[in-house]
N, C-alpha and C. Protein backbone atom coordinates (compact mmCIF):
# COMPACT_ATOMS: atom_id res chain seq x y z
N MET A 1 0.93 -1.05 0.17
CA MET A 1 -0.05 -0.15 -0.06
C MET A 1 0.78 1.22 -0.03
N MET A 2 0.57 2.19 -0.86
CA MET A 2 1.10 3.14 -1.10
C MET A 2 1.15 4.50 0.09
N SER A 3 1.68 4.98 0.58
CA SER A 3 1.59 6.06 1.72
C SER A 3 1.14 7.27 1.19
N PHE A 4 1.11 8.30 1.73
CA PHE A 4 0.56 9.50 1.24
C PHE A 4 1.53 10.40 0.54
N ASN A 5 2.49 10.49 0.83
CA ASN A 5 3.51 10.98 0.12
C ASN A 5 3.99 10.57 -1.21
N GLN A 6 3.81 9.18 -1.31
CA GLN A 6 4.36 8.70 -2.64
C GLN A 6 3.35 8.97 -3.52
N LEU A 7 2.13 8.89 -2.86
CA LEU A 7 0.73 9.56 -3.76
C LEU A 7 1.35 10.84 -4.35
N ILE A 8 1.53 11.95 -3.46
CA ILE A 8 1.43 12.83 -3.87
C ILE A 8 2.63 13.28 -4.86
N LEU A 9 4.20 12.50 -4.44
CA LEU A 9 4.95 12.36 -5.40
C LEU A 9 4.56 11.81 -6.84
N ILE A 10 3.64 10.69 -7.15
CA ILE A 10 3.51 10.23 -8.36
C ILE A 10 2.64 11.37 -9.29
N GLY A 11 1.61 11.72 -7.99
CA GLY A 11 0.83 12.67 -8.72
C GLY A 11 1.39 14.26 -9.44
N VAL A 12 2.21 14.50 -8.82
CA VAL A 12 3.15 15.55 -9.16
C VAL A 12 3.88 15.33 -10.54
N LEU A 13 4.33 14.14 -10.41
CA LEU A 13 4.98 13.67 -11.68
C LEU A 13 4.36 13.66 -12.94
N ILE A 14 3.02 13.10 -12.56
CA ILE A 14 1.97 13.01 -13.75
C ILE A 14 1.48 14.05 -14.22
N LEU A 15 1.14 15.11 -13.29
CA LEU A 15 0.88 16.62 -13.85
C LEU A 15 2.21 17.37 -14.39
N PHE A 16 3.45 17.09 -14.20
CA PHE A 16 4.63 17.69 -14.55
C PHE A 16 4.99 16.91 -16.09
N VAL A 17 4.55 15.74 -16.53
CA VAL A 17 4.54 15.02 -17.52
C VAL A 17 3.62 15.69 -18.77
N ALA A 18 2.62 15.42 -18.00
CA ALA A 18 1.20 16.43 -18.89
C ALA A 18 1.36 17.90 -19.24
N ILE A 19 1.88 18.68 -18.33
CA ILE A 19 2.39 19.89 -19.07
C ILE A 19 3.37 19.82 -19.79
N VAL A 20 4.44 19.17 -19.79
CA VAL A 20 5.55 18.99 -21.07
C VAL A 20 4.56 18.78 -21.94
N ALA A 21 3.96 17.85 -22.26
CA ALA A 21 3.49 17.16 -23.48
C ALA A 21 2.34 18.22 -23.84
N ALA A 22 1.89 19.13 -23.29
CA ALA A 22 0.82 20.12 -23.33
C ALA A 22 1.87 21.05 -24.12
N GLY A 23 2.70 21.36 -23.66
CA GLY A 23 3.74 22.48 -24.23
C GLY A 23 4.25 22.03 -25.37
N LEU A 24 4.36 20.58 -25.72
CA LEU A 24 5.06 20.27 -26.79
C LEU A 24 3.84 20.20 -28.11
N LEU A 25 2.68 19.92 -27.63
CA LEU A 25 1.32 20.09 -28.47
C LEU A 25 1.03 21.65 -29.03
N GLY A 26 1.08 22.56 -27.83
CA GLY A 26 0.76 23.66 -28.05
C GLY A 26 1.78 24.43 -29.26
N TYR A 27 3.66 23.92 -28.95
CA TYR A 27 4.37 24.14 -30.12
C TYR A 27 4.13 23.63 -31.36
N LEU A 28 4.03 22.54 -31.40
CA LEU A 28 3.69 21.65 -32.51
C LEU A 28 2.58 22.53 -33.47
N LEU A 29 1.27 22.96 -32.39
CA LEU A 29 0.22 23.44 -32.97
C LEU A 29 0.49 24.77 -33.89
N SER A 30 1.34 25.54 -33.20
CA SER A 30 1.64 27.02 -33.47
C SER A 30 2.64 27.06 -34.74
N GLN A 31 3.20 25.93 -34.64
CA GLN A 31 4.21 25.61 -36.06
C GLN A 31 3.51 25.36 -37.47
N PHE A 32 2.06 24.33 -37.34
CA PHE A 32 1.01 24.17 -37.82
C PHE A 32 0.47 25.87 -38.42
N ILE A 33 -0.02 26.32 -37.61
CA ILE A 33 -1.08 27.58 -37.82
C ILE A 33 0.19 28.51 -38.62
N GLN A 34 1.51 28.55 -38.37
CA GLN A 34 2.33 29.20 -38.97
C GLN A 34 2.95 28.66 -40.25
N ARG A 35 2.61 27.71 -40.52
CA ARG A 35 2.81 26.93 -41.74
C ARG A 35 4.42 26.87 -41.87
N PHE A 36 4.95 26.47 -40.75
CA PHE A 36 6.30 26.00 -40.94
C PHE A 36 6.65 24.73 -40.90
N LEU A 37 5.50 23.75 -40.59
CA LEU A 37 5.64 22.46 -40.14
C LEU A 37 4.51 21.66 -41.29
N PRO A 38 4.95 21.03 -42.49
CA PRO A 38 4.23 20.60 -43.18
C PRO A 38 2.94 19.50 -42.40
N VAL A 39 1.88 19.64 -43.09
CA VAL A 39 0.71 18.68 -42.56
C VAL A 39 0.72 17.62 -43.37
N ASP A 40 1.42 16.30 -42.64
CA ASP A 40 1.72 14.86 -43.54
C ASP A 40 1.63 13.94 -41.97
N ALA A 41 1.42 12.69 -42.89
CA ALA A 41 0.88 11.54 -41.74
C ALA A 41 1.97 11.59 -40.52
N PHE A 42 3.02 11.77 -40.48
CA PHE A 42 3.78 11.74 -39.16
C PHE A 42 3.64 12.57 -38.39
N THR A 43 3.16 14.13 -38.75
CA THR A 43 3.04 15.17 -37.75
C THR A 43 1.58 14.99 -37.28
N PHE A 44 0.63 14.61 -37.92
CA PHE A 44 -0.50 14.20 -37.46
C PHE A 44 -0.52 12.85 -36.36
N LEU A 45 0.51 11.89 -36.62
CA LEU A 45 0.68 11.03 -35.61
C LEU A 45 1.34 11.32 -34.25
N ILE A 46 2.08 12.42 -34.55
CA ILE A 46 2.72 13.16 -33.40
C ILE A 46 1.63 13.76 -32.62
N THR A 47 1.19 14.66 -33.40
CA THR A 47 0.08 15.23 -32.50
C THR A 47 -0.93 14.68 -32.04
N LEU A 48 -1.54 13.56 -32.65
CA LEU A 48 -2.52 12.58 -32.17
C LEU A 48 -2.04 11.93 -30.95
N PHE A 49 -0.60 11.40 -30.85
CA PHE A 49 0.12 10.63 -29.66
C PHE A 49 -0.09 11.61 -28.57
N LEU A 50 0.27 13.01 -28.62
CA LEU A 50 0.49 14.04 -27.71
C LEU A 50 -0.93 14.55 -26.74
N VAL A 51 -1.78 14.36 -27.88
CA VAL A 51 -3.29 14.81 -27.37
C VAL A 51 -3.69 13.32 -26.16
N VAL A 52 -3.54 12.25 -27.02
CA VAL A 52 -3.87 10.82 -26.61
C VAL A 52 -3.01 10.64 -24.93
N ALA A 53 -1.78 10.83 -24.69
CA ALA A 53 -1.04 10.89 -24.15
C ALA A 53 -1.49 12.18 -22.70
N ILE A 54 -1.69 13.20 -23.16
CA ILE A 54 -2.09 14.29 -22.19
C ILE A 54 -3.65 13.67 -21.34
N ALA A 55 -3.99 12.87 -22.51
CA ALA A 55 -5.92 12.49 -21.92
C ALA A 55 -5.41 11.54 -20.90
N LEU A 56 -4.40 10.39 -21.37
CA LEU A 56 -4.34 9.33 -20.65
C LEU A 56 -3.43 9.89 -18.99
N LEU A 57 -2.74 10.91 -18.71
CA LEU A 57 -2.27 11.24 -18.13
C LEU A 57 -3.03 12.30 -17.20
N ILE A 58 -4.18 12.56 -17.51
CA ILE A 58 -5.28 13.30 -16.63
C ILE A 58 -5.93 12.01 -16.24
N TYR A 59 -6.61 11.13 -16.91
CA TYR A 59 -7.34 10.12 -16.37
C TYR A 59 -6.41 9.45 -15.06
N GLY A 60 -4.96 8.93 -15.26
CA GLY A 60 -4.11 8.66 -14.16
C GLY A 60 -4.19 9.07 -13.07
N LEU A 61 -4.16 10.69 -13.34
CA LEU A 61 -4.45 11.35 -12.11
C LEU A 61 -5.87 11.40 -11.24
N PHE A 62 -6.60 11.38 -11.97
CA PHE A 62 -7.86 11.39 -11.38
C PHE A 62 -8.10 10.02 -10.83
N LEU A 63 -7.87 8.98 -11.21
CA LEU A 63 -7.76 7.75 -10.42
C LEU A 63 -6.80 7.48 -9.64
N LEU A 64 -5.57 8.30 -9.32
CA LEU A 64 -4.93 8.23 -7.99
C LEU A 64 -5.43 9.12 -7.13
N ILE A 65 -6.25 10.18 -7.56
CA ILE A 65 -7.03 10.92 -6.32
C ILE A 65 -8.42 10.03 -5.80
N LYS A 66 -8.83 9.17 -6.72
CA LYS A 66 -10.11 8.62 -6.16
C LYS A 66 -9.28 7.38 -5.71
N ARG A 67 -8.18 6.78 -5.46
CA ARG A 67 -7.38 5.78 -4.96
C ARG A 67 -7.52 6.35 -3.48
N GLN A 68 -6.77 7.68 -3.42
CA GLN A 68 -6.63 8.22 -2.21
C GLN A 68 -7.90 8.69 -1.30
N ARG A 69 -8.88 8.92 -2.08
CA ARG A 69 -10.04 9.14 -1.48
C ARG A 69 -10.84 7.85 -0.68
N THR A 70 -10.41 6.89 -1.60
CA THR A 70 -10.97 5.62 -0.79
C THR A 70 -10.29 4.60 -0.37
N GLN A 71 -9.01 5.12 -0.05
CA GLN A 71 -8.00 4.16 0.42
C GLN A 71 -8.51 4.39 1.89
N PRO A 72 -8.22 3.11 2.82
CA PRO A 72 -8.86 3.02 4.16
C PRO A 72 -7.92 3.49 4.95
N SER A 73 -8.15 4.58 5.49
CA SER A 73 -7.18 4.87 6.91
C SER A 73 -7.43 4.14 7.91
N SER A 74 -6.35 3.82 8.93
CA SER A 74 -6.48 2.76 9.88
C SER A 74 -6.59 3.61 11.14
N PRO A 75 -8.22 3.85 11.39
CA PRO A 75 -8.41 4.89 12.57
C PRO A 75 -8.19 3.87 14.25
N SER A 76 -7.51 4.10 14.97
CA SER A 76 -7.24 3.69 16.16
C SER A 76 -8.38 3.55 16.72
N ARG A 77 -8.38 2.30 17.12
CA ARG A 77 -9.67 1.90 18.05
C ARG A 77 -9.72 2.94 19.41
N ASN A 78 -8.44 3.20 19.85
CA ASN A 78 -8.65 3.99 21.37
C ASN A 78 -9.01 5.26 21.34
N VAL A 79 -8.94 6.14 20.04
CA VAL A 79 -8.83 7.33 19.93
C VAL A 79 -10.62 7.63 19.60
N PRO A 80 -11.41 8.47 20.09
CA PRO A 80 -12.64 8.84 20.10
C PRO A 80 -12.94 9.53 18.85
N PRO A 81 -13.66 9.75 17.90
CA PRO A 81 -13.96 10.22 16.44
C PRO A 81 -14.18 11.96 17.41
N GLU A 82 -13.86 12.70 16.35
CA GLU A 82 -14.12 14.08 16.28
C GLU A 82 -15.63 14.10 16.36
N PRO A 83 -16.38 15.08 17.37
CA PRO A 83 -17.61 15.40 17.48
C PRO A 83 -17.98 16.20 16.15
N LEU A 84 -19.26 15.69 15.77
CA LEU A 84 -19.76 15.96 14.51
C LEU A 84 -20.28 17.73 14.52
N GLU A 85 -20.67 18.14 15.77
CA GLU A 85 -21.16 19.68 15.94
C GLU A 85 -19.74 20.14 16.59
N LEU A 86 -19.43 21.35 15.53
CA LEU A 86 -18.11 22.02 16.29
C LEU A 86 -18.65 23.08 16.62
N PRO A 87 -17.78 23.57 17.67
CA PRO A 87 -18.00 25.38 17.71
C PRO A 87 -17.92 26.40 17.09
N VAL A 88 -18.57 27.57 16.98
CA VAL A 88 -18.16 28.58 15.99
C VAL A 88 -16.93 28.83 15.85
N GLU A 89 -15.97 28.97 17.19
CA GLU A 89 -14.46 29.41 16.58
C GLU A 89 -13.54 28.52 16.29
N ALA A 90 -14.61 26.93 15.71
CA ALA A 90 -13.41 25.93 15.37
C ALA A 90 -12.46 25.95 14.48
N PRO A 91 -13.01 26.77 13.36
CA PRO A 91 -11.77 26.95 12.55
C PRO A 91 -10.57 27.47 12.88
N PHE A 92 -10.57 28.09 13.96
CA PHE A 92 -9.46 29.01 14.66
C PHE A 92 -9.19 28.15 16.05
N ILE A 93 -9.32 27.19 16.19
CA ILE A 93 -8.86 26.25 17.31
C ILE A 93 -7.58 25.51 16.68
N ARG A 94 -6.72 25.27 17.28
CA ARG A 94 -5.86 24.39 16.99
C ARG A 94 -5.63 23.15 17.61
N ARG A 95 -6.01 22.17 17.05
CA ARG A 95 -6.38 21.29 17.96
C ARG A 95 -5.05 19.98 18.25
N ARG A 96 -4.77 19.78 18.95
CA ARG A 96 -3.56 18.71 19.60
C ARG A 96 -3.96 17.49 20.16
N ARG A 97 -3.28 16.59 19.98
CA ARG A 97 -3.50 15.22 20.36
C ARG A 97 -3.23 15.49 22.26
N THR A 98 -4.17 15.17 22.95
CA THR A 98 -3.37 14.68 24.09
C THR A 98 -2.18 13.72 24.15
N LYS A 99 -1.66 13.97 25.53
CA LYS A 99 -0.67 13.22 25.71
C LYS A 99 -1.36 11.45 25.87
N SER A 100 -2.59 11.62 26.76
CA SER A 100 -3.25 10.05 26.75
C SER A 100 -3.61 9.71 25.17
N GLN A 101 -3.76 10.21 24.28
CA GLN A 101 -4.31 10.01 23.08
C GLN A 101 -3.00 9.37 22.34
N LEU A 102 -2.07 10.38 22.22
CA LEU A 102 -0.97 9.98 21.95
C LEU A 102 -0.08 8.47 22.69
N SER A 103 -0.19 8.46 24.00
CA SER A 103 0.27 6.85 24.15
C SER A 103 -0.86 5.97 24.13
N GLN A 104 -2.26 6.06 23.90
CA GLN A 104 -2.70 5.16 23.62
C GLN A 104 -2.96 4.64 22.55
N SER A 105 -2.58 5.52 21.23
CA SER A 105 -2.48 4.85 19.71
C SER A 105 -0.73 4.41 20.12
N SER A 106 -0.01 4.33 20.52
CA SER A 106 1.17 3.94 20.38
C SER A 106 1.70 2.62 21.54
N VAL A 107 0.47 2.10 22.35
CA VAL A 107 0.60 0.82 22.52
C VAL A 107 1.88 -0.01 22.44
N ASP A 108 2.59 -0.79 23.01
CA ASP A 108 3.43 -1.75 22.42
C ASP A 108 2.96 -3.06 22.28
N ARG A 109 3.00 -3.73 21.22
CA ARG A 109 1.82 -4.76 20.71
C ARG A 109 2.71 -6.05 21.63
N GLU A 110 3.78 -5.94 21.64
CA GLU A 110 4.62 -7.07 22.41
C GLU A 110 4.20 -7.25 23.84
N LEU A 111 3.91 -6.03 24.54
CA LEU A 111 3.63 -6.07 25.72
C LEU A 111 2.07 -6.21 25.77
N GLN A 112 1.38 -5.98 24.98
CA GLN A 112 0.04 -6.55 25.03
C GLN A 112 -0.29 -8.39 25.05
N TYR A 113 0.94 -8.54 23.95
CA TYR A 113 0.72 -10.09 24.06
C TYR A 113 1.51 -10.70 24.92
N ARG A 114 2.39 -10.20 25.26
CA ARG A 114 3.25 -10.66 26.76
C ARG A 114 2.17 -10.70 27.88
N LEU A 115 1.09 -10.03 28.25
CA LEU A 115 0.39 -10.20 28.96
C LEU A 115 -1.01 -10.98 28.87
N ILE A 116 -1.24 -11.37 27.48
CA ILE A 116 -2.66 -12.21 27.03
C ILE A 116 -1.81 -13.54 27.14
N HIS A 117 -0.39 -13.66 26.77
CA HIS A 117 0.03 -15.15 26.90
C HIS A 117 0.14 -15.32 28.72
N LEU A 118 0.47 -14.52 29.36
CA LEU A 118 0.59 -14.93 30.89
C LEU A 118 -0.70 -15.17 31.59
N LEU A 119 -1.97 -14.58 30.74
CA LEU A 119 -3.20 -14.93 31.21
C LEU A 119 -3.94 -15.76 30.38
N ALA A 120 -3.10 -17.07 29.74
CA ALA A 120 -3.55 -18.23 29.09
C ALA A 120 -4.36 -18.09 27.97
N GLY A 121 -4.15 -16.33 27.30
CA GLY A 121 -4.72 -16.15 26.41
C GLY A 121 -6.34 -15.62 26.48
N ASP A 122 -6.26 -14.91 27.45
CA ASP A 122 -7.56 -14.28 27.96
C ASP A 122 -7.67 -12.85 27.82
N GLU A 123 -8.24 -12.43 26.47
CA GLU A 123 -8.10 -10.87 26.19
C GLU A 123 -8.52 -9.86 27.26
N ALA A 124 -9.81 -10.55 27.40
CA ALA A 124 -10.62 -9.45 28.22
C ALA A 124 -10.00 -9.13 29.49
N ALA A 125 -9.71 -10.39 30.27
CA ALA A 125 -9.12 -10.33 31.69
C ALA A 125 -7.92 -9.09 31.64
N ALA A 126 -7.38 -9.35 30.46
CA ALA A 126 -5.69 -8.65 30.23
C ALA A 126 -6.36 -7.00 29.97
N LYS A 127 -7.74 -6.74 29.48
CA LYS A 127 -8.13 -5.51 29.52
C LYS A 127 -8.68 -5.27 30.65
N ARG A 128 -9.30 -5.59 31.50
CA ARG A 128 -9.65 -5.29 32.94
C ARG A 128 -8.59 -5.17 33.91
N LEU A 129 -7.59 -5.79 33.47
CA LEU A 129 -6.44 -5.44 34.43
C LEU A 129 -6.13 -4.30 34.22
N VAL A 130 -5.65 -4.08 33.14
CA VAL A 130 -5.06 -2.80 32.33
C VAL A 130 -5.86 -1.72 32.82
N ASN A 131 -7.01 -1.65 32.87
CA ASN A 131 -8.40 -0.59 33.22
C ASN A 131 -8.19 -0.41 34.50
N ARG A 132 -8.27 -1.52 35.55
CA ARG A 132 -8.13 -1.10 36.80
C ARG A 132 -7.29 -0.38 37.20
N ILE A 133 -5.86 -0.73 36.65
CA ILE A 133 -4.27 -0.16 37.01
C ILE A 133 -4.38 1.37 36.43
N ARG A 134 -5.19 1.30 35.44
CA ARG A 134 -5.25 2.90 34.62
C ARG A 134 -6.42 3.65 35.79
N GLN A 135 -7.17 3.08 36.09
CA GLN A 135 -8.05 3.73 37.21
C GLN A 135 -7.36 4.29 38.71
N ASN A 136 -6.35 3.22 38.92
CA ASN A 136 -5.55 3.56 40.35
C ASN A 136 -4.70 4.28 40.20
N HIS A 137 -3.96 4.49 38.78
CA HIS A 137 -2.89 5.60 38.48
C HIS A 137 -3.18 6.25 37.20
N PRO A 138 -4.21 7.03 37.21
CA PRO A 138 -3.83 8.14 36.27
C PRO A 138 -2.97 8.79 35.52
N GLY A 139 -2.74 9.04 34.35
CA GLY A 139 -1.82 9.99 33.80
C GLY A 139 -0.58 9.46 33.16
N MET A 140 -0.36 8.28 33.45
CA MET A 140 0.70 7.60 33.27
C MET A 140 0.52 7.15 31.57
N PRO A 141 1.85 6.87 31.34
CA PRO A 141 1.68 6.34 29.26
C PRO A 141 1.16 4.85 29.63
N GLU A 142 0.60 4.55 28.29
CA GLU A 142 0.08 3.40 28.33
C GLU A 142 0.91 2.30 28.29
N ASN A 143 2.29 2.39 28.07
CA ASN A 143 3.01 1.06 28.12
C ASN A 143 3.36 0.85 29.83
N TRP A 144 3.08 2.08 30.23
CA TRP A 144 3.18 1.76 31.94
C TRP A 144 2.20 0.69 32.28
N TYR A 145 1.23 1.10 32.02
CA TYR A 145 -0.21 0.17 32.58
C TYR A 145 0.14 -1.02 32.03
N TRP A 146 0.37 -1.42 30.96
CA TRP A 146 0.64 -3.00 30.38
C TRP A 146 1.73 -3.50 31.14
N GLN A 147 2.97 -2.54 31.37
CA GLN A 147 3.75 -3.42 32.06
C GLN A 147 3.63 -3.56 33.68
N ARG A 148 3.09 -2.62 34.13
CA ARG A 148 2.72 -2.78 35.22
C ARG A 148 1.85 -4.02 36.02
N ALA A 149 0.75 -4.49 34.69
CA ALA A 149 -0.29 -5.29 35.01
C ALA A 149 0.69 -6.50 34.82
N ILE A 150 1.73 -6.89 33.66
CA ILE A 150 2.92 -8.05 33.87
C ILE A 150 3.56 -8.19 34.86
N GLU A 151 4.11 -7.22 35.45
CA GLU A 151 4.62 -7.33 36.85
C GLU A 151 3.58 -7.97 37.85
N ASP A 152 2.37 -7.52 37.92
CA ASP A 152 1.36 -7.60 38.81
C ASP A 152 1.23 -9.48 38.60
N VAL A 153 1.16 -9.55 37.65
CA VAL A 153 0.63 -10.99 37.23
C VAL A 153 1.82 -12.15 37.45
N GLU A 154 2.82 -11.53 37.37
CA GLU A 154 4.50 -12.45 37.50
C GLU A 154 4.65 -12.31 39.23
N ARG A 155 4.02 -11.28 39.86
CA ARG A 155 4.45 -11.43 41.19
C ARG A 155 3.39 -12.03 42.08
N ASP A 156 2.03 -12.23 41.31
CA ASP A 156 1.19 -13.14 42.05
C ASP A 156 1.42 -14.56 41.86
N ARG A 157 2.03 -14.89 40.64
CA ARG A 157 2.53 -16.15 40.24
C ARG A 157 3.57 -16.99 41.21
N LEU A 158 4.23 -15.85 41.95
CA LEU A 158 5.46 -16.58 42.54
C LEU A 158 5.06 -17.14 43.80
């Protein structure tokens, strides 16, 4: 799957090639009008090729835009969606993710798998344990909660 920056780069390259082809077509047509270039089969084929190339490049650009719009963005399950109704001053507010939102989206998967493995695959119990620790110690990084739960389970087994 292509990243957003790769799609932008490909789109810019397509636009650049289309602009160059359009410039060549304009020059070719100006030479026809000024009668510096004879109208024969070769020049007709070059003109037709440039027109088809421009049309295909623009079509490719529209396909690229459509692909970007339909590309599923992988929303994090932990981050709540933005509210539908925004206040009047919403365009002027610069929204930043809070520390807890950033930490929730970057939970170390290895810690999660390790805790679930310690609990014999009981994912629900792992989440309940982490939520209980989160309630008792608010404001800590997300990885800290998972690490603390692992330590608690390991301590209880000894």
